[in-house]
Amino acid sequence: MIKKLCTAVALFFLLSGLPFLATAGSSLSGNQIEKFLSTWAPLQELGSKYSLDFESSAPPQSGGESGFNPFMSSVAMIQGHKAYGEFQDILAKAGFSSPEEWALTANRVMQAYMAATIDSSEFSQSREEIDQAIKDVQSNPHISDAQKQAIIANLQTSLSMMTSMKNISQDDLDAVKPYLGKIEQTLSEEYK
C-alpha cells in the first residue's frame, strides 16, 4: 500500500507537474480523462528531453480543499523553464485551454484513480506506516537535513493524498472506473 502511494507521488513529480482545471461543482467526464491520458506520453518525453526533475525541486503544494495538488505545483515549476512553450503546445493539442485546466483535471483523475484502486481498509495502516517512516527519517543520523526535508515532504504529500482520497466525489469515481485499465497501462508505460 505505501509502495503504491509513494509510486503515485513519484509519478506525479517525475512527470513534471502538469495541471487540470475542472469546475468544483462538475463531475469528471470521459472526455476529460481521455484528454489527460493523451498528454502523459508526450509530457514524459518532454521531461526526458529537458531532464526535468520536479520531484527534487517542487515542494508539496496544498490543493485547497483537497490538500492534494502536485500537478499545479509542477505547472508552477515549469513556467519559467525553456520547455514551457512545448508544454503548453502539448496541452493545447490535447484540448486543454490552459495549463491550470490540465493540472486540475490531472489531479482529479489521479485522485479518483487512486481512490478506486486502493482498498480503504489500507488507509489507516498506511497512515501509521507513513507516520513511522517520518519518525525514522527524523532520527536517522545518516541522512542530511536537506535529504530529511525532501523525504519528509514527499511522505507528507502521501498523507495529503490519502486525506484527499476520502473526499473524492462518487461522480468522479464512477467516471474513472471504466478507465482504470487504461490509466494503469498509461502510467506504467514510462517504466518500459
C-alpha atoms as a PDB file:
ATOM      1  CA  MET A   1       0.000   0.000   0.000  1.00  0.00           C
ATOM      2  CA  ILE A   2       2.671   2.507   0.988  1.00  0.00           C
ATOM      3  CA  LYS A   3       4.558   1.482  -2.114  1.00  0.00           C
ATOM      4  CA  LYS A   4       1.532   2.335  -4.285  1.00  0.00           C
ATOM      5  CA  LEU A   5       1.199   5.755  -2.672  1.00  0.00           C
ATOM      6  CA  CYS A   6       4.882   6.567  -2.974  1.00  0.00           C
ATOM      7  CA  THR A   7       4.898   5.355  -6.579  1.00  0.00           C
ATOM      8  CA  ALA A   8       1.955   7.604  -7.344  1.00  0.00           C
ATOM      9  CA  VAL A   9       3.673  10.592  -5.740  1.00  0.00           C
ATOM     10  CA  ALA A  10       6.828   9.870  -7.696  1.00  0.00           C
ATOM     11  CA  LEU A  11       4.853   9.587 -10.919  1.00  0.00           C
ATOM     12  CA  PHE A  12       3.296  12.979 -10.342  1.00  0.00           C
ATOM     13  CA  PHE A  13       6.544  14.747  -9.657  1.00  0.00           C
ATOM     14  CA  LEU A  14       8.630  12.841 -12.195  1.00  0.00           C
ATOM     15  CA  LEU A  15       6.188  13.782 -14.903  1.00  0.00           C
ATOM     16  CA  SER A  16       6.906  17.326 -14.059  1.00  0.00           C
ATOM     17  CA  GLY A  17       3.857  18.801 -12.767  1.00  0.00           C
ATOM     18  CA  LEU A  18       1.106  19.424 -15.126  1.00  0.00           C
ATOM     19  CA  PRO A  19      -2.335  20.675 -14.195  1.00  0.00           C
ATOM     20  CA  PHE A  20      -6.008  20.319 -14.689  1.00  0.00           C
ATOM     21  CA  LEU A  21      -8.909  22.645 -14.191  1.00  0.00           C
ATOM     22  CA  ALA A  22     -12.422  21.473 -13.774  1.00  0.00           C
ATOM     23  CA  THR A  23     -15.019  23.494 -12.047  1.00  0.00           C
ATOM     24  CA  ALA A  24     -15.557  22.454  -8.478  1.00  0.00           C
ATOM     25  CA  GLY A  25     -19.187  21.506  -8.979  1.00  0.00           C
ATOM     26  CA  SER A  26     -18.798  19.464 -12.159  1.00  0.00           C
ATOM     27  CA  SER A  27     -18.040  15.783 -12.465  1.00  0.00           C
ATOM     28  CA  LEU A  28     -15.180  14.379 -14.459  1.00  0.00           C
ATOM     29  CA  SER A  29     -16.147  13.292 -17.929  1.00  0.00           C
ATOM     30  CA  GLY A  30     -14.744  10.547 -20.093  1.00  0.00           C
ATOM     31  CA  ASN A  31     -13.538  13.250 -22.469  1.00  0.00           C
ATOM     32  CA  GLN A  32     -11.521  14.955 -19.704  1.00  0.00           C
ATOM     33  CA  ILE A  33      -9.969  11.639 -18.690  1.00  0.00           C
ATOM     34  CA  GLU A  34      -9.059  10.822 -22.303  1.00  0.00           C
ATOM     35  CA  LYS A  35      -7.557  14.290 -22.811  1.00  0.00           C
ATOM     36  CA  PHE A  36      -5.419  13.921 -19.685  1.00  0.00           C
ATOM     37  CA  LEU A  37      -4.238  10.447 -20.686  1.00  0.00           C
ATOM     38  CA  SER A  38      -3.309  11.704 -24.158  1.00  0.00           C
ATOM     39  CA  THR A  39      -0.842  14.143 -22.570  1.00  0.00           C
ATOM     40  CA  TRP A  40       1.012  11.581 -20.463  1.00  0.00           C
ATOM     41  CA  ALA A  41       3.433  10.137 -23.050  1.00  0.00           C
ATOM     42  CA  PRO A  42       4.275  13.474 -24.720  1.00  0.00           C
ATOM     43  CA  LEU A  43       4.897  15.032 -21.307  1.00  0.00           C
ATOM     44  CA  GLN A  44       7.125  12.130 -20.298  1.00  0.00           C
ATOM     45  CA  GLU A  45       9.122  12.697 -23.479  1.00  0.00           C
ATOM     46  CA  LEU A  46       9.321  16.420 -22.752  1.00  0.00           C
ATOM     47  CA  GLY A  47      10.564  15.687 -19.237  1.00  0.00           C
ATOM     48  CA  SER A  48      13.251  13.377 -20.619  1.00  0.00           C
ATOM     49  CA  LYS A  49      14.247  15.840 -23.343  1.00  0.00           C
ATOM     50  CA  TYR A  50      14.895  18.612 -20.841  1.00  0.00           C
ATOM     51  CA  SER A  51      15.870  16.426 -17.866  1.00  0.00           C
ATOM     52  CA  LEU A  52      13.061  17.942 -15.847  1.00  0.00           C
ATOM     53  CA  ASP A  53      13.181  16.791 -12.239  1.00  0.00           C
ATOM     54  CA  PHE A  54      10.331  18.363 -10.359  1.00  0.00           C
ATOM     55  CA  GLU A  55      10.367  15.699  -7.668  1.00  0.00           C
ATOM     56  CA  SER A  56      13.519  17.093  -6.146  1.00  0.00           C
ATOM     57  CA  SER A  57      12.724  20.757  -6.664  1.00  0.00           C
ATOM     58  CA  ALA A  58       8.976  21.117  -6.231  1.00  0.00           C
ATOM     59  CA  PRO A  59       7.704  21.480  -2.709  1.00  0.00           C
ATOM     60  CA  PRO A  60       4.413  19.785  -1.997  1.00  0.00           C
ATOM     61  CA  GLN A  61       1.615  22.245  -2.550  1.00  0.00           C
ATOM     62  CA  SER A  62      -1.653  22.251  -0.747  1.00  0.00           C
ATOM     63  CA  GLY A  63      -4.575  21.799  -3.046  1.00  0.00           C
ATOM     64  CA  GLY A  64      -7.072  23.916  -1.229  1.00  0.00           C
ATOM     65  CA  GLU A  65      -9.988  21.809  -0.070  1.00  0.00           C
ATOM     66  CA  SER A  66      -8.434  18.532  -1.142  1.00  0.00           C
ATOM     67  CA  GLY A  67      -4.922  19.181   0.172  1.00  0.00           C
ATOM     68  CA  PHE A  68      -3.511  17.466  -2.912  1.00  0.00           C
ATOM     69  CA  ASN A  69      -2.280  19.439  -5.892  1.00  0.00           C
ATOM     70  CA  PRO A  70       1.010  18.076  -7.279  1.00  0.00           C
ATOM     71  CA  PHE A  71       0.199  18.834 -10.899  1.00  0.00           C
ATOM     72  CA  MET A  72      -0.432  22.500 -10.167  1.00  0.00           C
ATOM     73  CA  SER A  73       2.883  22.580  -8.295  1.00  0.00           C
ATOM     74  CA  SER A  74       4.555  21.163 -11.370  1.00  0.00           C
ATOM     75  CA  VAL A  75       2.977  23.807 -13.582  1.00  0.00           C
ATOM     76  CA  ALA A  76       4.408  26.457 -11.295  1.00  0.00           C
ATOM     77  CA  MET A  77       7.839  24.836 -11.566  1.00  0.00           C
ATOM     78  CA  ILE A  78       7.870  24.634 -15.370  1.00  0.00           C
ATOM     79  CA  GLN A  79       6.536  28.147 -16.014  1.00  0.00           C
ATOM     80  CA  GLY A  80       9.969  29.746 -16.114  1.00  0.00           C
ATOM     81  CA  HIS A  81      11.620  26.856 -17.937  1.00  0.00           C
ATOM     82  CA  LYS A  82      12.540  26.845 -21.628  1.00  0.00           C
ATOM     83  CA  ALA A  83      10.273  23.788 -22.046  1.00  0.00           C
ATOM     84  CA  TYR A  84       7.168  25.775 -21.076  1.00  0.00           C
ATOM     85  CA  GLY A  85       6.168  26.613 -24.655  1.00  0.00           C
ATOM     86  CA  GLU A  86       6.344  22.959 -25.678  1.00  0.00           C
ATOM     87  CA  PHE A  87       4.449  22.049 -22.528  1.00  0.00           C
ATOM     88  CA  GLN A  88       1.661  24.460 -23.470  1.00  0.00           C
ATOM     89  CA  ASP A  89       1.605  23.094 -27.031  1.00  0.00           C
ATOM     90  CA  ILE A  90       1.127  19.524 -25.780  1.00  0.00           C
ATOM     91  CA  LEU A  91      -1.753  20.595 -23.566  1.00  0.00           C
ATOM     92  CA  ALA A  92      -3.393  22.687 -26.291  1.00  0.00           C
ATOM     93  CA  LYS A  93      -3.126  19.811 -28.776  1.00  0.00           C
ATOM     94  CA  ALA A  94      -4.981  17.626 -26.262  1.00  0.00           C
ATOM     95  CA  GLY A  95      -7.726  20.239 -25.984  1.00  0.00           C
ATOM     96  CA  PHE A  96      -6.872  21.960 -22.708  1.00  0.00           C
ATOM     97  CA  SER A  97      -7.402  25.710 -22.678  1.00  0.00           C
ATOM     98  CA  SER A  98      -4.666  26.325 -20.103  1.00  0.00           C
ATOM     99  CA  PRO A  99      -2.032  24.565 -18.005  1.00  0.00           C
ATOM    100  CA  GLU A 100      -4.251  25.240 -14.987  1.00  0.00           C
ATOM    101  CA  GLU A 101      -7.171  23.395 -16.563  1.00  0.00           C
ATOM    102  CA  TRP A 102      -4.875  20.480 -17.303  1.00  0.00           C
ATOM    103  CA  ALA A 103      -3.471  20.452 -13.759  1.00  0.00           C
ATOM    104  CA  LEU A 104      -6.875  20.465 -12.098  1.00  0.00           C
ATOM    105  CA  THR A 105      -8.061  17.655 -14.362  1.00  0.00           C
ATOM    106  CA  ALA A 106      -4.887  15.649 -13.774  1.00  0.00           C
ATOM    107  CA  ASN A 107      -5.225  15.996 -10.003  1.00  0.00           C
ATOM    108  CA  ARG A 108      -8.858  14.867 -10.067  1.00  0.00           C
ATOM    109  CA  VAL A 109      -8.211  11.943 -12.404  1.00  0.00           C
ATOM    110  CA  MET A 110      -5.304  10.702 -10.302  1.00  0.00           C
ATOM    111  CA  GLN A 111      -7.142  11.170  -7.010  1.00  0.00           C
ATOM    112  CA  ALA A 112     -10.144   9.252  -8.297  1.00  0.00           C
ATOM    113  CA  TYR A 113      -7.897   6.580  -9.809  1.00  0.00           C
ATOM    114  CA  MET A 114      -6.053   6.065  -6.552  1.00  0.00           C
ATOM    115  CA  ALA A 115      -9.255   6.087  -4.511  1.00  0.00           C
ATOM    116  CA  ALA A 116     -10.733   3.472  -6.837  1.00  0.00           C
ATOM    117  CA  THR A 117      -7.695   1.200  -6.739  1.00  0.00           C
ATOM    118  CA  ILE A 118      -6.645   1.376  -3.100  1.00  0.00           C
ATOM    119  CA  ASP A 119      -8.659  -0.547  -0.550  1.00  0.00           C
ATOM    120  CA  SER A 120      -9.969   1.873   2.063  1.00  0.00           C
ATOM    121  CA  SER A 121      -9.070  -0.579   4.831  1.00  0.00           C
ATOM    122  CA  GLU A 122      -5.431   0.018   3.924  1.00  0.00           C
ATOM    123  CA  PHE A 123      -5.635   3.762   4.670  1.00  0.00           C
ATOM    124  CA  SER A 124      -5.244   3.587   8.447  1.00  0.00           C
ATOM    125  CA  GLN A 125      -2.429   1.053   8.185  1.00  0.00           C
ATOM    126  CA  SER A 126      -0.695   3.203   5.578  1.00  0.00           C
ATOM    127  CA  ARG A 127      -1.063   6.324   7.679  1.00  0.00           C
ATOM    128  CA  GLU A 128       0.623   4.531  10.580  1.00  0.00           C
ATOM    129  CA  GLU A 129       3.399   3.374   8.239  1.00  0.00           C
ATOM    130  CA  ILE A 130       3.938   6.893   6.922  1.00  0.00           C
ATOM    131  CA  ASP A 131       3.950   8.366  10.430  1.00  0.00           C
ATOM    132  CA  GLN A 132       6.550   5.774  11.446  1.00  0.00           C
ATOM    133  CA  ALA A 133       8.597   6.450   8.307  1.00  0.00           C
ATOM    134  CA  ILE A 134       8.661  10.165   9.153  1.00  0.00           C
ATOM    135  CA  LYS A 135       9.905   9.371  12.668  1.00  0.00           C
ATOM    136  CA  ASP A 136      12.543   7.022  11.247  1.00  0.00           C
ATOM    137  CA  VAL A 137      13.777   9.653   8.803  1.00  0.00           C
ATOM    138  CA  GLN A 138      13.903  12.332  11.503  1.00  0.00           C
ATOM    139  CA  SER A 139      16.006  10.127  13.761  1.00  0.00           C
ATOM    140  CA  ASN A 140      18.340   8.762  11.069  1.00  0.00           C
ATOM    141  CA  PRO A 141      21.832  10.211  11.602  1.00  0.00           C
ATOM    142  CA  HIS A 142      22.989   9.022   8.148  1.00  0.00           C
ATOM    143  CA  ILE A 143      20.666  11.343   6.221  1.00  0.00           C
ATOM    144  CA  SER A 144      21.468  15.023   5.729  1.00  0.00           C
ATOM    145  CA  ASP A 145      18.990  17.656   6.879  1.00  0.00           C
ATOM    146  CA  ALA A 146      18.222  18.562   3.252  1.00  0.00           C
ATOM    147  CA  GLN A 147      17.531  14.916   2.414  1.00  0.00           C
ATOM    148  CA  LYS A 148      15.365  14.571   5.503  1.00  0.00           C
ATOM    149  CA  GLN A 149      13.316  17.598   4.478  1.00  0.00           C
ATOM    150  CA  ALA A 150      12.815  16.252   0.946  1.00  0.00           C
ATOM    151  CA  ILE A 151      11.847  12.770   2.135  1.00  0.00           C
ATOM    152  CA  ILE A 152       9.506  14.098   4.807  1.00  0.00           C
ATOM    153  CA  ALA A 153       7.909  16.480   2.296  1.00  0.00           C
ATOM    154  CA  ASN A 154       7.182  13.535  -0.016  1.00  0.00           C
ATOM    155  CA  LEU A 155       5.785  11.492   2.864  1.00  0.00           C
ATOM    156  CA  GLN A 156       3.578  14.410   3.881  1.00  0.00           C
ATOM    157  CA  THR A 157       2.384  14.642   0.282  1.00  0.00           C
ATOM    158  CA  SER A 158       1.404  10.986   0.568  1.00  0.00           C
ATOM    159  CA  LEU A 159      -0.600  11.818   3.688  1.00  0.00           C
ATOM    160  CA  SER A 160      -2.322  14.656   1.827  1.00  0.00           C
ATOM    161  CA  MET A 161      -3.146  12.255  -0.984  1.00  0.00           C
ATOM    162  CA  MET A 162      -4.665   9.789   1.435  1.00  0.00           C
ATOM    163  CA  THR A 163      -6.748  12.518   3.041  1.00  0.00           C
ATOM    164  CA  SER A 164      -7.902  13.849  -0.308  1.00  0.00           C
ATOM    165  CA  MET A 165      -8.981  10.384  -1.451  1.00  0.00           C
ATOM    166  CA  LYS A 166     -11.540  10.295   1.330  1.00  0.00           C
ATOM    167  CA  ASN A 167     -13.157  13.389  -0.199  1.00  0.00           C
ATOM    168  CA  ILE A 168     -13.429  12.181  -3.803  1.00  0.00           C
ATOM    169  CA  SER A 169     -16.883  12.631  -5.247  1.00  0.00           C
ATOM    170  CA  GLN A 170     -18.770   9.493  -6.174  1.00  0.00           C
ATOM    171  CA  ASP A 171     -19.333  11.004  -9.628  1.00  0.00           C
ATOM    172  CA  ASP A 172     -15.566  11.276 -10.198  1.00  0.00           C
ATOM    173  CA  LEU A 173     -15.084   7.700  -9.001  1.00  0.00           C
ATOM    174  CA  ASP A 174     -17.820   6.499 -11.336  1.00  0.00           C
ATOM    175  CA  ALA A 175     -16.283   8.427 -14.247  1.00  0.00           C
ATOM    176  CA  VAL A 176     -12.823   6.919 -13.680  1.00  0.00           C
ATOM    177  CA  LYS A 177     -13.870   3.282 -13.157  1.00  0.00           C
ATOM    178  CA  PRO A 178     -14.295   2.433 -16.872  1.00  0.00           C
ATOM    179  CA  TYR A 179     -10.794   3.830 -17.461  1.00  0.00           C
ATOM    180  CA  LEU A 180      -8.911   2.033 -14.669  1.00  0.00           C
ATOM    181  CA  GLY A 181      -7.151  -0.370 -17.035  1.00  0.00           C
ATOM    182  CA  LYS A 182      -6.249   2.365 -19.482  1.00  0.00           C
ATOM    183  CA  ILE A 183      -4.954   4.622 -16.706  1.00  0.00           C
ATOM    184  CA  GLU A 184      -2.870   1.790 -15.258  1.00  0.00           C
ATOM    185  CA  GLN A 185      -1.443   0.993 -18.687  1.00  0.00           C
ATOM    186  CA  THR A 186      -0.676   4.646 -19.432  1.00  0.00           C
ATOM    187  CA  LEU A 187       1.068   5.201 -16.095  1.00  0.00           C
ATOM    188  CA  SER A 188       3.121   2.021 -16.377  1.00  0.00           C
ATOM    189  CA  GLU A 189       4.375   2.802 -19.886  1.00  0.00           C
ATOM    190  CA  GLU A 190       7.056   5.158 -18.582  1.00  0.00           C
ATOM    191  CA  TYR A 191       8.796   2.231 -16.888  1.00  0.00           C
ATOM    192  CA  LYS A 192       9.066   0.099 -20.019  1.00  0.00           C
END
